[in-house]
Amino acid sequence: MWGNKKSFISVRDVVAIGIGTAVFFVLMRFLAIPTPVSNTTINLGEPWLSLIGAIFGPIVGFLVGFIGHALNDTASGWGVWWTWVFADGVLGLLLGLTKSRLKLQSEPLTKKKIIFFNIWQVVSNAIAWFLIAPLGDIVVYKQPAAKVFLQGIWAGIGNIVAIAIVGTILLVAYSKTRTRSGSLKLKTDFYASCYI
């Protein structure tokens, strides 16, 4: 009976969440670039999150962003800032929605797909950092609007730039490692034709 049901989350996804979260945490913790705005950095974990989301989808993307950010806040010692943790989870979820369009596992990464990915990551960052994080800070933590919107805008712009550059490089590099269906047959046919 259990064998006939499809799991909500696969073993592969669980492994991806574990490894993805660990890498996200390390990048966020040790490779953060300071900005002029207090408590706001350009986070190199976000390009990694964009790759994880694009490969594994929205559930894995959400959990890697949410858990990774919560671990980083815990390790930093100032307490977990749940509104930003949630915003990172939402960003991972939204970036994960690109999985079905990019099809990195089975299709080449075209220029059109890269453009789509970057337009979508700008929209996703705007939702997460220009809206969710600052509005959450105002509602939950009673923070001044001017301060948190400034932090959110800086974080969002930093993430957009980081994903546009590093995230795109990661997607292209990953795509080049994938063996496409039929590619071995094409190579075999090519080499066979060389000997005829």
C-alpha atoms as a PDB file:
ATOM      1  CA  MET A   1       0.000   0.000   0.000  1.00  0.00           C
ATOM      2  CA  TRP A   2       2.762   2.443   0.867  1.00  0.00           C
ATOM      3  CA  GLY A   3       4.686   1.496  -2.282  1.00  0.00           C
ATOM      4  CA  ASN A   4       1.919   2.808  -4.542  1.00  0.00           C
ATOM      5  CA  LYS A   5       1.881   6.303  -3.068  1.00  0.00           C
ATOM      6  CA  LYS A   6       4.216   8.938  -4.445  1.00  0.00           C
ATOM      7  CA  SER A   7       6.205  10.660  -1.692  1.00  0.00           C
ATOM      8  CA  PHE A   8       5.690  14.357  -1.067  1.00  0.00           C
ATOM      9  CA  ILE A   9       9.461  14.697  -0.934  1.00  0.00           C
ATOM     10  CA  SER A  10      12.030  12.236  -2.258  1.00  0.00           C
ATOM     11  CA  VAL A  11      15.219  10.933  -0.664  1.00  0.00           C
ATOM     12  CA  ARG A  12      17.116  12.912  -3.306  1.00  0.00           C
ATOM     13  CA  ASP A  13      15.315  16.075  -2.159  1.00  0.00           C
ATOM     14  CA  VAL A  14      16.149  15.369   1.499  1.00  0.00           C
ATOM     15  CA  VAL A  15      19.837  14.990   0.620  1.00  0.00           C
ATOM     16  CA  ALA A  16      19.663  18.192  -1.459  1.00  0.00           C
ATOM     17  CA  ILE A  17      18.119  20.034   1.491  1.00  0.00           C
ATOM     18  CA  GLY A  18      20.902  18.858   3.813  1.00  0.00           C
ATOM     19  CA  ILE A  19      23.805  19.646   1.500  1.00  0.00           C
ATOM     20  CA  GLY A  20      22.150  22.757   0.067  1.00  0.00           C
ATOM     21  CA  THR A  21      21.493  24.174   3.534  1.00  0.00           C
ATOM     22  CA  ALA A  22      25.063  23.495   4.694  1.00  0.00           C
ATOM     23  CA  VAL A  23      26.577  25.268   1.670  1.00  0.00           C
ATOM     24  CA  PHE A  24      24.062  28.130   1.929  1.00  0.00           C
ATOM     25  CA  PHE A  25      24.930  28.591   5.616  1.00  0.00           C
ATOM     26  CA  VAL A  26      28.701  28.630   4.972  1.00  0.00           C
ATOM     27  CA  LEU A  27      28.354  31.129   2.096  1.00  0.00           C
ATOM     28  CA  MET A  28      26.005  33.353   4.080  1.00  0.00           C
ATOM     29  CA  ARG A  29      28.118  33.207   7.223  1.00  0.00           C
ATOM     30  CA  PHE A  30      31.629  33.582   5.815  1.00  0.00           C
ATOM     31  CA  LEU A  31      31.289  35.236   2.391  1.00  0.00           C
ATOM     32  CA  ALA A  32      28.906  38.103   3.147  1.00  0.00           C
ATOM     33  CA  ILE A  33      29.897  41.463   1.689  1.00  0.00           C
ATOM     34  CA  PRO A  34      29.029  44.461   3.926  1.00  0.00           C
ATOM     35  CA  THR A  35      26.911  47.340   2.602  1.00  0.00           C
ATOM     36  CA  PRO A  36      26.643  50.935   3.880  1.00  0.00           C
ATOM     37  CA  VAL A  37      23.317  50.023   5.544  1.00  0.00           C
ATOM     38  CA  SER A  38      23.484  48.492   9.042  1.00  0.00           C
ATOM     39  CA  ASN A  39      22.778  44.756   9.426  1.00  0.00           C
ATOM     40  CA  THR A  40      22.576  44.333   5.648  1.00  0.00           C
ATOM     41  CA  THR A  41      25.029  42.424   3.465  1.00  0.00           C
ATOM     42  CA  ILE A  42      25.339  41.211  -0.097  1.00  0.00           C
ATOM     43  CA  ASN A  43      24.843  37.538   0.446  1.00  0.00           C
ATOM     44  CA  LEU A  44      26.676  35.068  -1.791  1.00  0.00           C
ATOM     45  CA  GLY A  45      24.430  32.291  -0.493  1.00  0.00           C
ATOM     46  CA  GLU A  46      21.624  33.640  -2.695  1.00  0.00           C
ATOM     47  CA  PRO A  47      23.220  32.614  -6.030  1.00  0.00           C
ATOM     48  CA  TRP A  48      23.627  29.128  -4.545  1.00  0.00           C
ATOM     49  CA  LEU A  49      19.960  29.202  -3.499  1.00  0.00           C
ATOM     50  CA  SER A  50      18.994  30.122  -7.062  1.00  0.00           C
ATOM     51  CA  LEU A  51      20.843  27.057  -8.380  1.00  0.00           C
ATOM     52  CA  ILE A  52      19.312  24.743  -5.761  1.00  0.00           C
ATOM     53  CA  GLY A  53      15.839  26.067  -6.518  1.00  0.00           C
ATOM     54  CA  ALA A  54      16.311  25.734 -10.283  1.00  0.00           C
ATOM     55  CA  ILE A  55      17.458  22.106  -9.950  1.00  0.00           C
ATOM     56  CA  PHE A  56      15.217  20.788  -7.160  1.00  0.00           C
ATOM     57  CA  GLY A  57      12.152  23.033  -7.206  1.00  0.00           C
ATOM     58  CA  PRO A  58      10.186  25.225  -4.799  1.00  0.00           C
ATOM     59  CA  ILE A  59       9.923  22.942  -1.735  1.00  0.00           C
ATOM     60  CA  VAL A  60      13.669  22.324  -1.561  1.00  0.00           C
ATOM     61  CA  GLY A  61      14.332  25.994  -2.386  1.00  0.00           C
ATOM     62  CA  PHE A  62      12.082  27.160   0.454  1.00  0.00           C
ATOM     63  CA  LEU A  63      13.596  24.802   3.033  1.00  0.00           C
ATOM     64  CA  VAL A  64      17.212  25.563   2.082  1.00  0.00           C
ATOM     65  CA  GLY A  65      16.590  29.329   2.284  1.00  0.00           C
ATOM     66  CA  PHE A  66      14.550  29.117   5.500  1.00  0.00           C
ATOM     67  CA  ILE A  67      16.732  26.654   7.441  1.00  0.00           C
ATOM     68  CA  GLY A  68      20.017  28.098   6.152  1.00  0.00           C
ATOM     69  CA  HIS A  69      19.095  31.658   7.142  1.00  0.00           C
ATOM     70  CA  ALA A  70      17.816  30.506  10.563  1.00  0.00           C
ATOM     71  CA  LEU A  71      21.103  28.659  11.202  1.00  0.00           C
ATOM     72  CA  ASN A  72      23.099  31.724  10.164  1.00  0.00           C
ATOM     73  CA  ASP A  73      21.144  33.985  12.511  1.00  0.00           C
ATOM     74  CA  THR A  74      21.543  31.475  15.338  1.00  0.00           C
ATOM     75  CA  ALA A  75      25.312  31.204  14.784  1.00  0.00           C
ATOM     76  CA  SER A  76      25.675  34.992  14.556  1.00  0.00           C
ATOM     77  CA  GLY A  77      24.503  35.384  18.134  1.00  0.00           C
ATOM     78  CA  TRP A  78      21.959  38.208  17.757  1.00  0.00           C
ATOM     79  CA  GLY A  79      18.948  35.916  17.646  1.00  0.00           C
ATOM     80  CA  VAL A  80      16.866  34.647  14.760  1.00  0.00           C
ATOM     81  CA  TRP A  81      15.235  37.438  12.757  1.00  0.00           C
ATOM     82  CA  TRP A  82      12.208  35.400  11.608  1.00  0.00           C
ATOM     83  CA  THR A  83      10.836  37.894   9.102  1.00  0.00           C
ATOM     84  CA  TRP A  84      14.065  37.756   7.086  1.00  0.00           C
ATOM     85  CA  VAL A  85      14.315  33.997   7.540  1.00  0.00           C
ATOM     86  CA  PHE A  86      10.823  33.692   6.060  1.00  0.00           C
ATOM     87  CA  ALA A  87      11.716  36.109   3.234  1.00  0.00           C
ATOM     88  CA  ASP A  88      14.722  33.917   2.304  1.00  0.00           C
ATOM     89  CA  GLY A  89      12.450  30.872   2.333  1.00  0.00           C
ATOM     90  CA  VAL A  90       9.974  32.626   0.030  1.00  0.00           C
ATOM     91  CA  LEU A  91      12.847  33.654  -2.254  1.00  0.00           C
ATOM     92  CA  GLY A  92      13.976  30.008  -2.462  1.00  0.00           C
ATOM     93  CA  LEU A  93      10.409  28.913  -3.188  1.00  0.00           C
ATOM     94  CA  LEU A  94       9.953  31.499  -5.944  1.00  0.00           C
ATOM     95  CA  LEU A  95      13.335  30.687  -7.505  1.00  0.00           C
ATOM     96  CA  GLY A  96      12.335  27.011  -7.378  1.00  0.00           C
ATOM     97  CA  LEU A  97       9.380  27.748  -9.637  1.00  0.00           C
ATOM     98  CA  THR A  98      11.905  28.128 -12.489  1.00  0.00           C
ATOM     99  CA  LYS A  99      12.618  24.378 -12.416  1.00  0.00           C
ATOM    100  CA  SER A 100       9.818  23.479 -14.832  1.00  0.00           C
ATOM    101  CA  ARG A 101      10.794  26.212 -17.320  1.00  0.00           C
ATOM    102  CA  LEU A 102      14.577  25.763 -17.215  1.00  0.00           C
ATOM    103  CA  LYS A 103      14.541  21.922 -17.272  1.00  0.00           C
ATOM    104  CA  LEU A 104      18.233  21.822 -16.383  1.00  0.00           C
ATOM    105  CA  GLN A 105      18.185  18.040 -15.983  1.00  0.00           C
ATOM    106  CA  SER A 106      17.054  17.318 -19.541  1.00  0.00           C
ATOM    107  CA  GLU A 107      17.476  20.341 -21.804  1.00  0.00           C
ATOM    108  CA  PRO A 108      20.244  22.792 -22.708  1.00  0.00           C
ATOM    109  CA  LEU A 109      20.282  26.188 -21.008  1.00  0.00           C
ATOM    110  CA  THR A 110      19.529  28.676 -23.778  1.00  0.00           C
ATOM    111  CA  LYS A 111      19.943  32.467 -23.796  1.00  0.00           C
ATOM    112  CA  LYS A 112      16.158  32.776 -23.711  1.00  0.00           C
ATOM    113  CA  LYS A 113      16.026  30.656 -20.538  1.00  0.00           C
ATOM    114  CA  ILE A 114      18.805  32.711 -18.921  1.00  0.00           C
ATOM    115  CA  ILE A 115      16.877  35.926 -19.679  1.00  0.00           C
ATOM    116  CA  PHE A 116      13.684  34.394 -18.251  1.00  0.00           C
ATOM    117  CA  PHE A 117      15.578  33.248 -15.138  1.00  0.00           C
ATOM    118  CA  ASN A 118      17.023  36.711 -14.522  1.00  0.00           C
ATOM    119  CA  ILE A 119      13.716  38.520 -15.037  1.00  0.00           C
ATOM    120  CA  TRP A 120      12.072  36.073 -12.619  1.00  0.00           C
ATOM    121  CA  GLN A 121      14.837  36.407 -10.010  1.00  0.00           C
ATOM    122  CA  VAL A 122      14.411  40.212 -10.057  1.00  0.00           C
ATOM    123  CA  VAL A 123      10.657  39.780  -9.464  1.00  0.00           C
ATOM    124  CA  SER A 124      11.321  37.173  -6.738  1.00  0.00           C
ATOM    125  CA  ASN A 125      13.856  39.371  -4.938  1.00  0.00           C
ATOM    126  CA  ALA A 126      11.489  42.330  -5.120  1.00  0.00           C
ATOM    127  CA  ILE A 127       8.710  40.274  -3.505  1.00  0.00           C
ATOM    128  CA  ALA A 128      10.999  38.870  -0.794  1.00  0.00           C
ATOM    129  CA  TRP A 129      13.080  41.933   0.091  1.00  0.00           C
ATOM    130  CA  PHE A 130      11.105  45.002  -1.006  1.00  0.00           C
ATOM    131  CA  LEU A 131       7.825  43.706   0.455  1.00  0.00           C
ATOM    132  CA  ILE A 132       7.887  40.632   2.733  1.00  0.00           C
ATOM    133  CA  ALA A 133      10.984  41.401   4.838  1.00  0.00           C
ATOM    134  CA  PRO A 134      10.267  45.092   5.559  1.00  0.00           C
ATOM    135  CA  LEU A 135       6.512  44.655   6.044  1.00  0.00           C
ATOM    136  CA  GLY A 136       7.225  41.716   8.363  1.00  0.00           C
ATOM    137  CA  ASP A 137       9.686  43.841  10.344  1.00  0.00           C
ATOM    138  CA  ILE A 138       7.081  46.590  10.735  1.00  0.00           C
ATOM    139  CA  VAL A 139       4.262  44.222  11.779  1.00  0.00           C
ATOM    140  CA  VAL A 140       6.200  41.697  13.893  1.00  0.00           C
ATOM    141  CA  TYR A 141       9.095  43.714  15.329  1.00  0.00           C
ATOM    142  CA  LYS A 142       7.545  47.223  15.231  1.00  0.00           C
ATOM    143  CA  GLN A 143      10.577  48.563  13.357  1.00  0.00           C
ATOM    144  CA  PRO A 144      10.548  52.034  11.752  1.00  0.00           C
ATOM    145  CA  ALA A 145       9.397  51.831   8.122  1.00  0.00           C
ATOM    146  CA  ALA A 146      12.162  54.045   6.686  1.00  0.00           C
ATOM    147  CA  LYS A 147      14.897  51.868   8.242  1.00  0.00           C
ATOM    148  CA  VAL A 148      13.535  48.462   7.210  1.00  0.00           C
ATOM    149  CA  PHE A 149      12.572  49.491   3.673  1.00  0.00           C
ATOM    150  CA  LEU A 150      16.101  50.862   3.189  1.00  0.00           C
ATOM    151  CA  GLN A 151      17.561  47.563   4.469  1.00  0.00           C
ATOM    152  CA  GLY A 152      15.209  45.546   2.261  1.00  0.00           C
ATOM    153  CA  ILE A 153      16.022  47.587  -0.840  1.00  0.00           C
ATOM    154  CA  TRP A 154      19.786  47.226  -0.271  1.00  0.00           C
ATOM    155  CA  ALA A 155      19.457  43.483   0.389  1.00  0.00           C
ATOM    156  CA  GLY A 156      17.243  43.005  -2.660  1.00  0.00           C
ATOM    157  CA  ILE A 157      19.491  44.942  -5.031  1.00  0.00           C
ATOM    158  CA  GLY A 158      22.575  43.119  -3.698  1.00  0.00           C
ATOM    159  CA  ASN A 159      20.868  39.757  -4.216  1.00  0.00           C
ATOM    160  CA  ILE A 160      19.693  40.691  -7.717  1.00  0.00           C
ATOM    161  CA  VAL A 161      23.236  41.614  -8.762  1.00  0.00           C
ATOM    162  CA  ALA A 162      24.782  38.549  -7.069  1.00  0.00           C
ATOM    163  CA  ILE A 163      22.296  36.147  -8.676  1.00  0.00           C
ATOM    164  CA  ALA A 164      22.555  37.857 -12.083  1.00  0.00           C
ATOM    165  CA  ILE A 165      26.323  37.357 -12.080  1.00  0.00           C
ATOM    166  CA  VAL A 166      27.222  34.384  -9.860  1.00  0.00           C
ATOM    167  CA  GLY A 167      23.854  32.611 -10.112  1.00  0.00           C
ATOM    168  CA  THR A 168      23.906  32.732 -13.907  1.00  0.00           C
ATOM    169  CA  ILE A 169      27.482  31.410 -13.949  1.00  0.00           C
ATOM    170  CA  LEU A 170      26.415  28.534 -11.652  1.00  0.00           C
ATOM    171  CA  LEU A 171      23.437  27.673 -13.879  1.00  0.00           C
ATOM    172  CA  VAL A 172      25.587  27.664 -17.030  1.00  0.00           C
ATOM    173  CA  ALA A 173      28.296  25.567 -15.344  1.00  0.00           C
ATOM    174  CA  TYR A 174      25.745  23.073 -14.009  1.00  0.00           C
ATOM    175  CA  SER A 175      23.984  22.837 -17.370  1.00  0.00           C
ATOM    176  CA  LYS A 176      27.271  21.959 -19.081  1.00  0.00           C
ATOM    177  CA  THR A 177      27.725  18.971 -16.758  1.00  0.00           C
ATOM    178  CA  ARG A 178      24.417  17.358 -17.774  1.00  0.00           C
ATOM    179  CA  THR A 179      24.405  14.586 -20.383  1.00  0.00           C
ATOM    180  CA  ARG A 180      21.460  15.168 -22.691  1.00  0.00           C
ATOM    181  CA  SER A 181      19.338  12.234 -23.849  1.00  0.00           C
ATOM    182  CA  GLY A 182      20.570  11.121 -27.248  1.00  0.00           C
ATOM    183  CA  SER A 183      23.914  12.903 -26.896  1.00  0.00           C
ATOM    184  CA  LEU A 184      25.863   9.623 -26.690  1.00  0.00           C
ATOM    185  CA  LYS A 185      24.117   8.331 -29.800  1.00  0.00           C
ATOM    186  CA  LEU A 186      24.963  11.547 -31.658  1.00  0.00           C
ATOM    187  CA  LYS A 187      28.604  11.284 -30.608  1.00  0.00           C
ATOM    188  CA  THR A 188      28.704   7.605 -31.605  1.00  0.00           C
ATOM    189  CA  ASP A 189      27.113   8.396 -34.982  1.00  0.00           C
ATOM    190  CA  PHE A 190      29.609  11.223 -35.534  1.00  0.00           C
ATOM    191  CA  TYR A 191      32.630   9.047 -34.738  1.00  0.00           C
ATOM    192  CA  ALA A 192      31.257   6.187 -36.869  1.00  0.00           C
ATOM    193  CA  SER A 193      30.837   8.545 -39.830  1.00  0.00           C
ATOM    194  CA  CYS A 194      34.489   9.576 -39.516  1.00  0.00           C
ATOM    195  CA  TYR A 195      35.594   6.015 -40.319  1.00  0.00           C
ATOM    196  CA  ILE A 196      33.355   5.492 -43.357  1.00  0.00           C
END
